[in-house]
Structures are given as structure tokens and as C-alpha cells.
Amino acid sequence: MADILGRLLPRRRALMVTSPATLLAASVALLAVGAAFFVYLQAPSSLLYDPVSIALVVVLWACGGYIHTISYILAPGLVHPRRCTKASALMALTYQTAHIIGLVAATGIALVMYGDIAGDL
């Protein structure tokens, strides 16, 4: 649901980003939140609090949907009109590739940190 909410946010004019630099800054900030999430998960269990974990996941999903949508809105205006189709296909391909790489990386991180990917199942 947070991803869907993030994708709907650009419909509000006040939340619409028109600058690629601002979009890049938002992406870097989201990357920092993702890193903070993993750091938080390594804290001693006495410091872990479920609502914080849930809030971080919601922020990651909502901001991810927002950034993804803004990227697709801004992209056509940043390339020559004859290259829009190719740019769109390249964006779709890199988006899917990033998900695959993310899943492989998450699996590798889980194996390194915990020794398996199943946990206590």
C-alpha cells in the first residue's frame, strides 16, 4: 500500500518534482534511509522496536514508488523526442535488472549475516 501511495503523491502539484537534481537528491536520501534501516537491524535487540522497523519499511516503499513515478514523468522531457521510445525501453530494462540485482544482493547479505536465507522457518 505504501508503494501505491508513493505513486499517487506526484498527482499533487505541491509534491511534483521538476528538477532532475532534486530527484537525484531524493534518491540519495532514500539510499541513506535504506542504509540506516540495515544499521538499525544490527542494533542490540534491546534497542529494536517493531514500530520503528515498520515505519522505515513504509518510508522506503512510499519513497520508492514516488521516485519511480517522478522518474517516468521527467524522463521523456530529458531526451531528444526521437529517442523517447529507446529511453523508455532502457528505463524499463534497468528497473527490472535493478530488482534482480537487489534480490541477489539481499540473498547474499542474508547468507553473510545469518548463514542462511530461511531464518527460523
PDB file of N, CA and C in Angstrom:
ATOM      1  N   MET A   1       0.816  -1.191   0.000  1.00  0.00           N
ATOM      2  CA  MET A   1       0.000   0.000   0.000  1.00  0.00           C
ATOM      3  C   MET A   1       0.864   1.262   0.000  1.00  0.00           C
ATOM      4  N   ALA A   2       1.983   1.228   0.675  1.00  0.00           N
ATOM      5  CA  ALA A   2       2.843   2.411   0.736  1.00  0.00           C
ATOM      6  C   ALA A   2       3.409   2.741  -0.639  1.00  0.00           C
ATOM      7  N   ASP A   3       3.748   1.716  -1.423  1.00  0.00           N
ATOM      8  CA  ASP A   3       4.254   1.939  -2.772  1.00  0.00           C
ATOM      9  C   ASP A   3       3.186   2.624  -3.631  1.00  0.00           C
ATOM     10  N   ILE A   4       1.956   2.165  -3.525  1.00  0.00           N
ATOM     11  CA  ILE A   4       0.851   2.772  -4.278  1.00  0.00           C
ATOM     12  C   ILE A   4       0.654   4.217  -3.842  1.00  0.00           C
ATOM     13  N   LEU A   5       0.695   4.462  -2.545  1.00  0.00           N
ATOM     14  CA  LEU A   5       0.571   5.832  -2.040  1.00  0.00           C
ATOM     15  C   LEU A   5       1.682   6.709  -2.615  1.00  0.00           C
ATOM     16  N   GLY A   6       2.906   6.206  -2.616  1.00  0.00           N
ATOM     17  CA  GLY A   6       4.028   6.950  -3.165  1.00  0.00           C
ATOM     18  C   GLY A   6       3.847   7.267  -4.641  1.00  0.00           C
ATOM     19  N   ARG A   7       3.235   6.346  -5.375  1.00  0.00           N
ATOM     20  CA  ARG A   7       2.993   6.571  -6.802  1.00  0.00           C
ATOM     21  C   ARG A   7       1.886   7.591  -7.044  1.00  0.00           C
ATOM     22  N   LEU A   8       1.020   7.772  -6.072  1.00  0.00           N
ATOM     23  CA  LEU A   8      -0.071   8.747  -6.217  1.00  0.00           C
ATOM     24  C   LEU A   8       0.333  10.153  -5.779  1.00  0.00           C
ATOM     25  N   LEU A   9       1.374  10.275  -4.968  1.00  0.00           N
ATOM     26  CA  LEU A   9       1.791  11.581  -4.451  1.00  0.00           C
ATOM     27  C   LEU A   9       2.099  12.623  -5.527  1.00  0.00           C
ATOM     28  N   PRO A  10       2.720  12.253  -6.661  1.00  0.00           N
ATOM     29  CA  PRO A  10       3.015  13.277  -7.668  1.00  0.00           C
ATOM     30  C   PRO A  10       1.774  13.925  -8.291  1.00  0.00           C
ATOM     31  N   ARG A  11       0.608  13.368  -8.058  1.00  0.00           N
ATOM     32  CA  ARG A  11      -0.618  13.990  -8.577  1.00  0.00           C
ATOM     33  C   ARG A  11      -0.885  15.332  -7.904  1.00  0.00           C
ATOM     34  N   ARG A  12      -0.349  15.516  -6.711  1.00  0.00           N
ATOM     35  CA  ARG A  12      -0.460  16.803  -6.011  1.00  0.00           C
ATOM     36  C   ARG A  12       0.620  17.725  -6.560  1.00  0.00           C
ATOM     37  N   ARG A  13       0.224  18.855  -7.088  1.00  0.00           N
ATOM     38  CA  ARG A  13       1.198  19.782  -7.694  1.00  0.00           C
ATOM     39  C   ARG A  13       2.304  20.175  -6.719  1.00  0.00           C
ATOM     40  N   ALA A  14       1.969  20.336  -5.467  1.00  0.00           N
ATOM     41  CA  ALA A  14       2.965  20.754  -4.474  1.00  0.00           C
ATOM     42  C   ALA A  14       4.043  19.685  -4.272  1.00  0.00           C
ATOM     43  N   LEU A  15       3.738  18.445  -4.587  1.00  0.00           N
ATOM     44  CA  LEU A  15       4.693  17.352  -4.386  1.00  0.00           C
ATOM     45  C   LEU A  15       5.387  16.925  -5.675  1.00  0.00           C
ATOM     46  N   MET A  16       5.088  17.595  -6.769  1.00  0.00           N
ATOM     47  CA  MET A  16       5.676  17.253  -8.061  1.00  0.00           C
ATOM     48  C   MET A  16       7.071  17.863  -8.174  1.00  0.00           C
ATOM     49  N   VAL A  17       8.039  17.029  -8.440  1.00  0.00           N
ATOM     50  CA  VAL A  17       9.426  17.469  -8.620  1.00  0.00           C
ATOM     51  C   VAL A  17       9.667  17.649 -10.114  1.00  0.00           C
ATOM     52  N   THR A  18      10.244  18.766 -10.490  1.00  0.00           N
ATOM     53  CA  THR A  18      10.518  19.014 -11.908  1.00  0.00           C
ATOM     54  C   THR A  18      12.005  19.081 -12.223  1.00  0.00           C
ATOM     55  N   SER A  19      12.829  18.992 -11.221  1.00  0.00           N
ATOM     56  CA  SER A  19      14.280  19.100 -11.403  1.00  0.00           C
ATOM     57  C   SER A  19      14.939  17.728 -11.267  1.00  0.00           C
ATOM     58  N   PRO A  20      15.714  17.314 -12.277  1.00  0.00           N
ATOM     59  CA  PRO A  20      16.454  16.059 -12.145  1.00  0.00           C
ATOM     60  C   PRO A  20      17.405  16.064 -10.948  1.00  0.00           C
ATOM     61  N   ALA A  21      17.975  17.208 -10.633  1.00  0.00           N
ATOM     62  CA  ALA A  21      18.893  17.286  -9.491  1.00  0.00           C
ATOM     63  C   ALA A  21      18.158  17.014  -8.184  1.00  0.00           C
ATOM     64  N   THR A  22      16.950  17.540  -8.069  1.00  0.00           N
ATOM     65  CA  THR A  22      16.145  17.286  -6.865  1.00  0.00           C
ATOM     66  C   THR A  22      15.764  15.813  -6.777  1.00  0.00           C
ATOM     67  N   LEU A  23      15.431  15.232  -7.913  1.00  0.00           N
ATOM     68  CA  LEU A  23      15.095  13.802  -7.948  1.00  0.00           C
ATOM     69  C   LEU A  23      16.306  12.961  -7.544  1.00  0.00           C
ATOM     70  N   LEU A  24      17.474  13.332  -8.024  1.00  0.00           N
ATOM     71  CA  LEU A  24      18.694  12.614  -7.641  1.00  0.00           C
ATOM     72  C   LEU A  24      18.952  12.752  -6.149  1.00  0.00           C
ATOM     73  N   ALA A  25      18.748  13.938  -5.600  1.00  0.00           N
ATOM     74  CA  ALA A  25      18.933  14.143  -4.154  1.00  0.00           C
ATOM     75  C   ALA A  25      17.960  13.282  -3.358  1.00  0.00           C
ATOM     76  N   ALA A  26      16.713  13.187  -3.831  1.00  0.00           N
ATOM     77  CA  ALA A  26      15.723  12.336  -3.158  1.00  0.00           C
ATOM     78  C   ALA A  26      16.146  10.873  -3.217  1.00  0.00           C
ATOM     79  N   SER A  27      16.724  10.464  -4.341  1.00  0.00           N
ATOM     80  CA  SER A  27      17.189   9.086  -4.480  1.00  0.00           C
ATOM     81  C   SER A  27      18.345   8.787  -3.529  1.00  0.00           C
ATOM     82  N   VAL A  28      19.256   9.732  -3.404  1.00  0.00           N
ATOM     83  CA  VAL A  28      20.385   9.558  -2.482  1.00  0.00           C
ATOM     84  C   VAL A  28      19.879   9.509  -1.036  1.00  0.00           C
ATOM     85  N   ALA A  29      18.901  10.350  -0.723  1.00  0.00           N
ATOM     86  CA  ALA A  29      18.317  10.341   0.627  1.00  0.00           C
ATOM     87  C   ALA A  29      17.649   8.996   0.904  1.00  0.00           C
ATOM     88  N   LEU A  30      16.959   8.454  -0.097  1.00  0.00           N
ATOM     89  CA  LEU A  30      16.317   7.152   0.072  1.00  0.00           C
ATOM     90  C   LEU A  30      17.361   6.055   0.273  1.00  0.00           C
ATOM     91  N   LEU A  31      18.456   6.152  -0.432  1.00  0.00           N
ATOM     92  CA  LEU A  31      19.547   5.201  -0.247  1.00  0.00           C
ATOM     93  C   LEU A  31      20.085   5.281   1.177  1.00  0.00           C
ATOM     94  N   ALA A  32      20.188   6.482   1.708  1.00  0.00           N
ATOM     95  CA  ALA A  32      20.648   6.667   3.092  1.00  0.00           C
ATOM     96  C   ALA A  32      19.658   6.052   4.085  1.00  0.00           C
ATOM     97  N   VAL A  33      18.358   6.209   3.826  1.00  0.00           N
ATOM     98  CA  VAL A  33      17.353   5.595   4.703  1.00  0.00           C
ATOM     99  C   VAL A  33      17.479   4.078   4.650  1.00  0.00           C
ATOM    100  N   GLY A  34      17.719   3.540   3.455  1.00  0.00           N
ATOM    101  CA  GLY A  34      17.913   2.088   3.324  1.00  0.00           C
ATOM    102  C   GLY A  34      19.125   1.609   4.115  1.00  0.00           C
ATOM    103  N   ALA A  35      20.213   2.361   4.042  1.00  0.00           N
ATOM    104  CA  ALA A  35      21.410   2.004   4.811  1.00  0.00           C
ATOM    105  C   ALA A  35      21.125   2.104   6.311  1.00  0.00           C
ATOM    106  N   ALA A  36      20.405   3.144   6.713  1.00  0.00           N
ATOM    107  CA  ALA A  36      20.049   3.306   8.131  1.00  0.00           C
ATOM    108  C   ALA A  36      19.200   2.138   8.613  1.00  0.00           C
ATOM    109  N   PHE A  37      18.339   1.645   7.747  1.00  0.00           N
ATOM    110  CA  PHE A  37      17.495   0.503   8.097  1.00  0.00           C
ATOM    111  C   PHE A  37      18.362  -0.716   8.429  1.00  0.00           C
ATOM    112  N   PHE A  38      19.352  -0.992   7.578  1.00  0.00           N
ATOM    113  CA  PHE A  38      20.211  -2.149   7.831  1.00  0.00           C
ATOM    114  C   PHE A  38      21.072  -1.950   9.074  1.00  0.00           C
ATOM    115  N   VAL A  39      21.524  -0.728   9.304  1.00  0.00           N
ATOM    116  CA  VAL A  39      22.281  -0.441  10.527  1.00  0.00           C
ATOM    117  C   VAL A  39      21.386  -0.655  11.742  1.00  0.00           C
ATOM    118  N   TYR A  40      20.155  -0.166  11.669  1.00  0.00           N
ATOM    119  CA  TYR A  40      19.207  -0.323  12.776  1.00  0.00           C
ATOM    120  C   TYR A  40      18.964  -1.801  13.075  1.00  0.00           C
ATOM    121  N   LEU A  41      18.855  -2.626  12.049  1.00  0.00           N
ATOM    122  CA  LEU A  41      18.604  -4.057  12.258  1.00  0.00           C
ATOM    123  C   LEU A  41      19.760  -4.763  12.962  1.00  0.00           C
ATOM    124  N   GLN A  42      20.948  -4.153  12.935  1.00  0.00           N
ATOM    125  CA  GLN A  42      22.105  -4.751  13.602  1.00  0.00           C
ATOM    126  C   GLN A  42      22.255  -4.290  15.049  1.00  0.00           C
ATOM    127  N   ALA A  43      21.368  -3.402  15.486  1.00  0.00           N
ATOM    128  CA  ALA A  43      21.428  -2.911  16.863  1.00  0.00           C
ATOM    129  C   ALA A  43      21.096  -4.049  17.830  1.00  0.00           C
ATOM    130  N   PRO A  44      21.516  -3.931  19.064  1.00  0.00           N
ATOM    131  CA  PRO A  44      21.150  -4.949  20.063  1.00  0.00           C
ATOM    132  C   PRO A  44      19.620  -5.065  20.156  1.00  0.00           C
ATOM    133  N   SER A  45      19.150  -6.259  20.410  1.00  0.00           N
ATOM    134  CA  SER A  45      17.703  -6.498  20.418  1.00  0.00           C
ATOM    135  C   SER A  45      16.971  -5.633  21.442  1.00  0.00           C
ATOM    136  N   SER A  46      17.659  -5.211  22.480  1.00  0.00           N
ATOM    137  CA  SER A  46      17.012  -4.358  23.482  1.00  0.00           C
ATOM    138  C   SER A  46      16.676  -2.973  22.912  1.00  0.00           C
ATOM    139  N   LEU A  47      17.352  -2.575  21.833  1.00  0.00           N
ATOM    140  CA  LEU A  47      17.098  -1.274  21.212  1.00  0.00           C
ATOM    141  C   LEU A  47      16.121  -1.356  20.039  1.00  0.00           C
ATOM    142  N   LEU A  48      15.822  -2.559  19.587  1.00  0.00           N
ATOM    143  CA  LEU A  48      14.928  -2.723  18.446  1.00  0.00           C
ATOM    144  C   LEU A  48      13.477  -2.555  18.888  1.00  0.00           C
ATOM    145  N   TYR A  49      12.719  -1.862  18.067  1.00  0.00           N
ATOM    146  CA  TYR A  49      11.328  -1.560  18.367  1.00  0.00           C
ATOM    147  C   TYR A  49      10.539  -1.739  17.073  1.00  0.00           C
ATOM    148  N   ASP A  50       9.568  -2.663  17.048  1.00  0.00           N
ATOM    149  CA  ASP A  50       8.857  -3.001  15.828  1.00  0.00           C
ATOM    150  C   ASP A  50       8.262  -1.797  15.091  1.00  0.00           C
ATOM    151  N   PRO A  51       7.645  -0.843  15.780  1.00  0.00           N
ATOM    152  CA  PRO A  51       7.091   0.300  15.034  1.00  0.00           C
ATOM    153  C   PRO A  51       8.141   1.088  14.244  1.00  0.00           C
ATOM    154  N   VAL A  52       9.374   1.144  14.735  1.00  0.00           N
ATOM    155  CA  VAL A  52      10.432   1.839  14.002  1.00  0.00           C
ATOM    156  C   VAL A  52      10.756   1.067  12.725  1.00  0.00           C
ATOM    157  N   SER A  53      10.877  -0.252  12.838  1.00  0.00           N
ATOM    158  CA  SER A  53      11.141  -1.077  11.661  1.00  0.00           C
ATOM    159  C   SER A  53      10.030  -0.925  10.633  1.00  0.00           C
ATOM    160  N   ILE A  54       8.796  -0.965  11.101  1.00  0.00           N
ATOM    161  CA  ILE A  54       7.651  -0.826  10.196  1.00  0.00           C
ATOM    162  C   ILE A  54       7.652   0.553   9.536  1.00  0.00           C
ATOM    163  N   ALA A  55       7.938   1.583  10.311  1.00  0.00           N
ATOM    164  CA  ALA A  55       7.973   2.942   9.762  1.00  0.00           C
ATOM    165  C   ALA A  55       9.060   3.076   8.698  1.00  0.00           C
ATOM    166  N   LEU A  56      10.226   2.492   8.945  1.00  0.00           N
ATOM    167  CA  LEU A  56      11.302   2.556   7.953  1.00  0.00           C
ATOM    168  C   LEU A  56      10.907   1.839   6.665  1.00  0.00           C
ATOM    169  N   VAL A  57      10.267   0.692   6.782  1.00  0.00           N
ATOM    170  CA  VAL A  57       9.819  -0.042   5.592  1.00  0.00           C
ATOM    171  C   VAL A  57       8.769   0.764   4.832  1.00  0.00           C
ATOM    172  N   VAL A  58       7.834   1.373   5.543  1.00  0.00           N
ATOM    173  CA  VAL A  58       6.801   2.194   4.893  1.00  0.00           C
ATOM    174  C   VAL A  58       7.445   3.376   4.170  1.00  0.00           C
ATOM    175  N   VAL A  59       8.400   4.032   4.805  1.00  0.00           N
ATOM    176  CA  VAL A  59       9.090   5.159   4.168  1.00  0.00           C
ATOM    177  C   VAL A  59       9.837   4.690   2.924  1.00  0.00           C
ATOM    178  N   LEU A  60      10.522   3.558   3.020  1.00  0.00           N
ATOM    179  CA  LEU A  60      11.253   3.039   1.865  1.00  0.00           C
ATOM    180  C   LEU A  60      10.311   2.734   0.707  1.00  0.00           C
ATOM    181  N   TRP A  61       9.198   2.088   0.994  1.00  0.00           N
ATOM    182  CA  TRP A  61       8.253   1.731  -0.074  1.00  0.00           C
ATOM    183  C   TRP A  61       7.584   2.964  -0.657  1.00  0.00           C
ATOM    184  N   ALA A  62       7.117   3.879   0.180  1.00  0.00           N
ATOM    185  CA  ALA A  62       6.422   5.071  -0.316  1.00  0.00           C
ATOM    186  C   ALA A  62       7.375   5.944  -1.139  1.00  0.00           C
ATOM    187  N   CYS A  63       8.559   6.165  -0.626  1.00  0.00           N
ATOM    188  CA  CYS A  63       9.521   6.996  -1.358  1.00  0.00           C
ATOM    189  C   CYS A  63       9.985   6.306  -2.643  1.00  0.00           C
ATOM    190  N   GLY A  64      10.114   4.994  -2.598  1.00  0.00           N
ATOM    191  CA  GLY A  64      10.482   4.255  -3.811  1.00  0.00           C
ATOM    192  C   GLY A  64       9.430   4.416  -4.902  1.00  0.00           C
ATOM    193  N   GLY A  65       8.163   4.293  -4.537  1.00  0.00           N
ATOM    194  CA  GLY A  65       7.091   4.489  -5.512  1.00  0.00           C
ATOM    195  C   GLY A  65       7.066   5.910  -6.043  1.00  0.00           C
ATOM    196  N   TYR A  66       7.285   6.872  -5.161  1.00  0.00           N
ATOM    197  CA  TYR A  66       7.304   8.289  -5.542  1.00  0.00           C
ATOM    198  C   TYR A  66       8.431   8.572  -6.530  1.00  0.00           C
ATOM    199  N   ILE A  67       9.645   8.129  -6.189  1.00  0.00           N
ATOM    200  CA  ILE A  67      10.810   8.376  -7.035  1.00  0.00           C
ATOM    201  C   ILE A  67      10.645   7.680  -8.389  1.00  0.00           C
ATOM    202  N   HIS A  68      10.137   6.470  -8.379  1.00  0.00           N
ATOM    203  CA  HIS A  68       9.916   5.729  -9.619  1.00  0.00           C
ATOM    204  C   HIS A  68       8.947   6.477 -10.526  1.00  0.00           C
ATOM    205  N   THR A  69       7.846   6.952  -9.972  1.00  0.00           N
ATOM    206  CA  THR A  69       6.847   7.665 -10.760  1.00  0.00           C
ATOM    207  C   THR A  69       7.394   8.979 -11.301  1.00  0.00           C
ATOM    208  N   ILE A  70       8.071   9.742 -10.461  1.00  0.00           N
ATOM    209  CA  ILE A  70       8.649  11.008 -10.906  1.00  0.00           C
ATOM    210  C   ILE A  70       9.676  10.763 -12.013  1.00  0.00           C
ATOM    211  N   SER A  71      10.452   9.708 -11.890  1.00  0.00           N
ATOM    212  CA  SER A  71      11.444   9.386 -12.919  1.00  0.00           C
ATOM    213  C   SER A  71      10.773   9.170 -14.267  1.00  0.00           C
ATOM    214  N   TYR A  72       9.691   8.423 -14.259  1.00  0.00           N
ATOM    215  CA  TYR A  72       8.984   8.158 -15.518  1.00  0.00           C
ATOM    216  C   TYR A  72       8.271   9.402 -16.046  1.00  0.00           C
ATOM    217  N   ILE A  73       7.928  10.340 -15.183  1.00  0.00           N
ATOM    218  CA  ILE A  73       7.305  11.589 -15.630  1.00  0.00           C
ATOM    219  C   ILE A  73       8.358  12.516 -16.240  1.00  0.00           C
ATOM    220  N   LEU A  74       9.517  12.617 -15.593  1.00  0.00           N
ATOM    221  CA  LEU A  74      10.556  13.536 -16.061  1.00  0.00           C
ATOM    222  C   LEU A  74      11.340  13.020 -17.267  1.00  0.00           C
ATOM    223  N   ALA A  75      11.506  11.731 -17.371  1.00  0.00           N
ATOM    224  CA  ALA A  75      12.398  11.153 -18.378  1.00  0.00           C
ATOM    225  C   ALA A  75      12.101  11.576 -19.816  1.00  0.00           C
ATOM    226  N   PRO A  76      10.864  11.560 -20.293  1.00  0.00           N
ATOM    227  CA  PRO A  76      10.640  11.913 -21.699  1.00  0.00           C
ATOM    228  C   PRO A  76      11.100  13.328 -22.058  1.00  0.00           C
ATOM    229  N   GLY A  77      11.050  14.249 -21.142  1.00  0.00           N
ATOM    230  CA  GLY A  77      11.485  15.616 -21.419  1.00  0.00           C
ATOM    231  C   GLY A  77      12.988  15.799 -21.380  1.00  0.00           C
ATOM    232  N   LEU A  78      13.708  14.776 -20.950  1.00  0.00           N
ATOM    233  CA  LEU A  78      15.161  14.900 -20.814  1.00  0.00           C
ATOM    234  C   LEU A  78      15.934  14.302 -21.983  1.00  0.00           C
ATOM    235  N   VAL A  79      15.215  13.678 -22.917  1.00  0.00           N
ATOM    236  CA  VAL A  79      15.871  13.091 -24.087  1.00  0.00           C
ATOM    237  C   VAL A  79      15.263  13.683 -25.352  1.00  0.00           C
ATOM    238  N   HIS A  80      15.996  13.565 -26.429  1.00  0.00           N
ATOM    239  CA  HIS A  80      15.501  14.027 -27.728  1.00  0.00           C
ATOM    240  C   HIS A  80      14.252  13.213 -28.090  1.00  0.00           C
ATOM    241  N   PRO A  81      13.232  13.849 -28.669  1.00  0.00           N
ATOM    242  CA  PRO A  81      11.981  13.141 -28.989  1.00  0.00           C
ATOM    243  C   PRO A  81      12.165  11.856 -29.799  1.00  0.00           C
ATOM    244  N   ARG A  82      13.168  11.821 -30.674  1.00  0.00           N
ATOM    245  CA  ARG A  82      13.387  10.597 -31.465  1.00  0.00           C
ATOM    246  C   ARG A  82      13.907   9.445 -30.608  1.00  0.00           C
ATOM    247  N   ARG A  83      14.410   9.755 -29.445  1.00  0.00           N
ATOM    248  CA  ARG A  83      14.990   8.712 -28.583  1.00  0.00           C
ATOM    249  C   ARG A  83      14.081   8.319 -27.419  1.00  0.00           C
ATOM    250  N   CYS A  84      12.897   8.880 -27.346  1.00  0.00           N
ATOM    251  CA  CYS A  84      11.991   8.602 -26.217  1.00  0.00           C
ATOM    252  C   CYS A  84      11.650   7.124 -26.095  1.00  0.00           C
ATOM    253  N   THR A  85      11.352   6.476 -27.216  1.00  0.00           N
ATOM    254  CA  THR A  85      10.980   5.060 -27.177  1.00  0.00           C
ATOM    255  C   THR A  85      12.139   4.217 -26.664  1.00  0.00           C
ATOM    256  N   LYS A  86      13.329   4.491 -27.183  1.00  0.00           N
ATOM    257  CA  LYS A  86      14.506   3.735 -26.750  1.00  0.00           C
ATOM    258  C   LYS A  86      14.805   4.010 -25.275  1.00  0.00           C
ATOM    259  N   ALA A  87      14.670   5.266 -24.864  1.00  0.00           N
ATOM    260  CA  ALA A  87      14.917   5.624 -23.467  1.00  0.00           C
ATOM    261  C   ALA A  87      13.908   4.936 -22.553  1.00  0.00           C
ATOM    262  N   SER A  88      12.653   4.882 -22.985  1.00  0.00           N
ATOM    263  CA  SER A  88      11.623   4.220 -22.186  1.00  0.00           C
ATOM    264  C   SER A  88      11.930   2.734 -22.028  1.00  0.00           C
ATOM    265  N   ALA A  89      12.322   2.092 -23.106  1.00  0.00           N
ATOM    266  CA  ALA A  89      12.669   0.667 -23.045  1.00  0.00           C
ATOM    267  C   ALA A  89      13.878   0.439 -22.145  1.00  0.00           C
ATOM    268  N   LEU A  90      14.863   1.336 -22.239  1.00  0.00           N
ATOM    269  CA  LEU A  90      16.056   1.217 -21.400  1.00  0.00           C
ATOM    270  C   LEU A  90      15.712   1.397 -19.927  1.00  0.00           C
ATOM    271  N   MET A  91      14.820   2.347 -19.621  1.00  0.00           N
ATOM    272  CA  MET A  91      14.393   2.547 -18.229  1.00  0.00           C
ATOM    273  C   MET A  91      13.692   1.305 -17.689  1.00  0.00           C
ATOM    274  N   ALA A  92      12.809   0.728 -18.492  1.00  0.00           N
ATOM    275  CA  ALA A  92      12.104  -0.476 -18.051  1.00  0.00           C
ATOM    276  C   ALA A  92      13.082  -1.625 -17.811  1.00  0.00           C
ATOM    277  N   LEU A  93      14.040  -1.773 -18.711  1.00  0.00           N
ATOM    278  CA  LEU A  93      15.034  -2.839 -18.568  1.00  0.00           C
ATOM    279  C   LEU A  93      15.901  -2.628 -17.330  1.00  0.00           C
ATOM    280  N   THR A  94      16.365  -1.408 -17.108  1.00  0.00           N
ATOM    281  CA  THR A  94      17.213  -1.161 -15.943  1.00  0.00           C
ATOM    282  C   THR A  94      16.430  -1.302 -14.641  1.00  0.00           C
ATOM    283  N   TYR A  95      15.150  -0.940 -14.672  1.00  0.00           N
ATOM    284  CA  TYR A  95      14.306  -1.093 -13.486  1.00  0.00           C
ATOM    285  C   TYR A  95      14.196  -2.571 -13.101  1.00  0.00           C
ATOM    286  N   GLN A  96      13.915  -3.420 -14.076  1.00  0.00           N
ATOM    287  CA  GLN A  96      13.798  -4.856 -13.802  1.00  0.00           C
ATOM    288  C   GLN A  96      15.144  -5.451 -13.403  1.00  0.00           C
ATOM    289  N   THR A  97      16.211  -5.015 -14.065  1.00  0.00           N
ATOM    290  CA  THR A  97      17.543  -5.504 -13.734  1.00  0.00           C
ATOM    291  C   THR A  97      17.927  -5.109 -12.304  1.00  0.00           C
ATOM    292  N   ALA A  98      17.587  -3.894 -11.919  1.00  0.00           N
ATOM    293  CA  ALA A  98      17.882  -3.442 -10.553  1.00  0.00           C
ATOM    294  C   ALA A  98      17.168  -4.303  -9.523  1.00  0.00           C
ATOM    295  N   HIS A  99      15.939  -4.708  -9.812  1.00  0.00           N
ATOM    296  CA  HIS A  99      15.218  -5.579  -8.879  1.00  0.00           C
ATOM    297  C   HIS A  99      15.898  -6.939  -8.752  1.00  0.00           C
ATOM    298  N   ILE A 100      16.326  -7.495  -9.859  1.00  0.00           N
ATOM    299  CA  ILE A 100      17.012  -8.785  -9.814  1.00  0.00           C
ATOM    300  C   ILE A 100      18.314  -8.663  -9.030  1.00  0.00           C
ATOM    301  N   ILE A 101      19.084  -7.616  -9.319  1.00  0.00           N
ATOM    302  CA  ILE A 101      20.347  -7.402  -8.600  1.00  0.00           C
ATOM    303  C   ILE A 101      20.079  -7.196  -7.111  1.00  0.00           C
ATOM    304  N   GLY A 102      19.031  -6.454  -6.780  1.00  0.00           N
ATOM    305  CA  GLY A 102      18.672  -6.236  -5.380  1.00  0.00           C
ATOM    306  C   GLY A 102      18.329  -7.527  -4.664  1.00  0.00           C
ATOM    307  N   LEU A 103      17.577  -8.399  -5.329  1.00  0.00           N
ATOM    308  CA  LEU A 103      17.224  -9.686  -4.713  1.00  0.00           C
ATOM    309  C   LEU A 103      18.454 -10.568  -4.518  1.00  0.00           C
ATOM    310  N   VAL A 104      19.327 -10.589  -5.511  1.00  0.00           N
ATOM    311  CA  VAL A 104      20.560 -11.377  -5.384  1.00  0.00           C
ATOM    312  C   VAL A 104      21.436 -10.805  -4.262  1.00  0.00           C
ATOM    313  N   ALA A 105      21.551  -9.478  -4.205  1.00  0.00           N
ATOM    314  CA  ALA A 105      22.351  -8.849  -3.150  1.00  0.00           C
ATOM    315  C   ALA A 105      21.747  -9.122  -1.774  1.00  0.00           C
ATOM    316  N   ALA A 106      20.426  -9.023  -1.660  1.00  0.00           N
ATOM    317  CA  ALA A 106      19.774  -9.289  -0.373  1.00  0.00           C
ATOM    318  C   ALA A 106      20.005 -10.735   0.064  1.00  0.00           C
ATOM    319  N   THR A 107      19.959 -11.652  -0.884  1.00  0.00           N
ATOM    320  CA  THR A 107      20.230 -13.053  -0.560  1.00  0.00           C
ATOM    321  C   THR A 107      21.667 -13.221  -0.083  1.00  0.00           C
ATOM    322  N   GLY A 108      22.598 -12.577  -0.781  1.00  0.00           N
ATOM    323  CA  GLY A 108      23.999 -12.660  -0.379  1.00  0.00           C
ATOM    324  C   GLY A 108      24.241 -12.049   0.987  1.00  0.00           C
ATOM    325  N   ILE A 109      23.626 -10.906   1.248  1.00  0.00           N
ATOM    326  CA  ILE A 109      23.779 -10.253   2.553  1.00  0.00           C
ATOM    327  C   ILE A 109      23.215 -11.138   3.657  1.00  0.00           C
ATOM    328  N   ALA A 110      22.048 -11.744   3.411  1.00  0.00           N
ATOM    329  CA  ALA A 110      21.450 -12.632   4.416  1.00  0.00           C
ATOM    330  C   ALA A 110      22.349 -13.831   4.686  1.00  0.00           C
ATOM    331  N   LEU A 111      22.937 -14.374   3.637  1.00  0.00           N
ATOM    332  CA  LEU A 111      23.841 -15.517   3.825  1.00  0.00           C
ATOM    333  C   LEU A 111      25.071 -15.129   4.641  1.00  0.00           C
ATOM    334  N   VAL A 112      25.621 -13.955   4.360  1.00  0.00           N
ATOM    335  CA  VAL A 112      26.810 -13.500   5.093  1.00  0.00           C
ATOM    336  C   VAL A 112      26.462 -13.182   6.546  1.00  0.00           C
ATOM    337  N   MET A 113      25.341 -12.498   6.746  1.00  0.00           N
ATOM    338  CA  MET A 113      24.986 -12.046   8.097  1.00  0.00           C
ATOM    339  C   MET A 113      24.427 -13.167   8.971  1.00  0.00           C
ATOM    340  N   TYR A 114      23.631 -14.047   8.387  1.00  0.00           N
ATOM    341  CA  TYR A 114      22.908 -15.044   9.180  1.00  0.00           C
ATOM    342  C   TYR A 114      23.257 -16.486   8.864  1.00  0.00           C
ATOM    343  N   GLY A 115      23.991 -16.726   7.798  1.00  0.00           N
ATOM    344  CA  GLY A 115      24.383 -18.087   7.456  1.00  0.00           C
ATOM    345  C   GLY A 115      23.348 -18.837   6.638  1.00  0.00           C
ATOM    346  N   ASP A 116      22.147 -18.293   6.499  1.00  0.00           N
ATOM    347  CA  ASP A 116      21.119 -18.907   5.646  1.00  0.00           C
ATOM    348  C   ASP A 116      20.113 -17.820   5.240  1.00  0.00           C
ATOM    349  N   ILE A 117      19.164 -18.218   4.402  1.00  0.00           N
ATOM    350  CA  ILE A 117      18.148 -17.248   3.980  1.00  0.00           C
ATOM    351  C   ILE A 117      16.763 -17.587   4.507  1.00  0.00           C
ATOM    352  N   ALA A 118      16.670 -18.699   5.219  1.00  0.00           N
ATOM    353  CA  ALA A 118      15.354 -19.137   5.711  1.00  0.00           C
ATOM    354  C   ALA A 118      15.053 -18.631   7.118  1.00  0.00           C
ATOM    355  N   GLY A 119      16.079 -18.304   7.867  1.00  0.00           N
ATOM    356  CA  GLY A 119      15.838 -17.879   9.248  1.00  0.00           C
ATOM    357  C   GLY A 119      15.345 -19.030  10.089  1.00  0.00           C
ATOM    358  N   ASP A 120      14.345 -18.780  10.908  1.00  0.00           N
ATOM    359  CA  ASP A 120      13.829 -19.807  11.822  1.00  0.00           C
ATOM    360  C   ASP A 120      12.582 -20.483  11.294  1.00  0.00           C
ATOM    361  N   LEU A 121      12.473 -20.590   9.975  1.00  0.00           N
ATOM    362  CA  LEU A 121      11.263 -21.232   9.406  1.00  0.00           C
ATOM    363  C   LEU A 121      11.208 -22.690   9.716  1.00  0.00           C
TER     364      LEU A 121
END
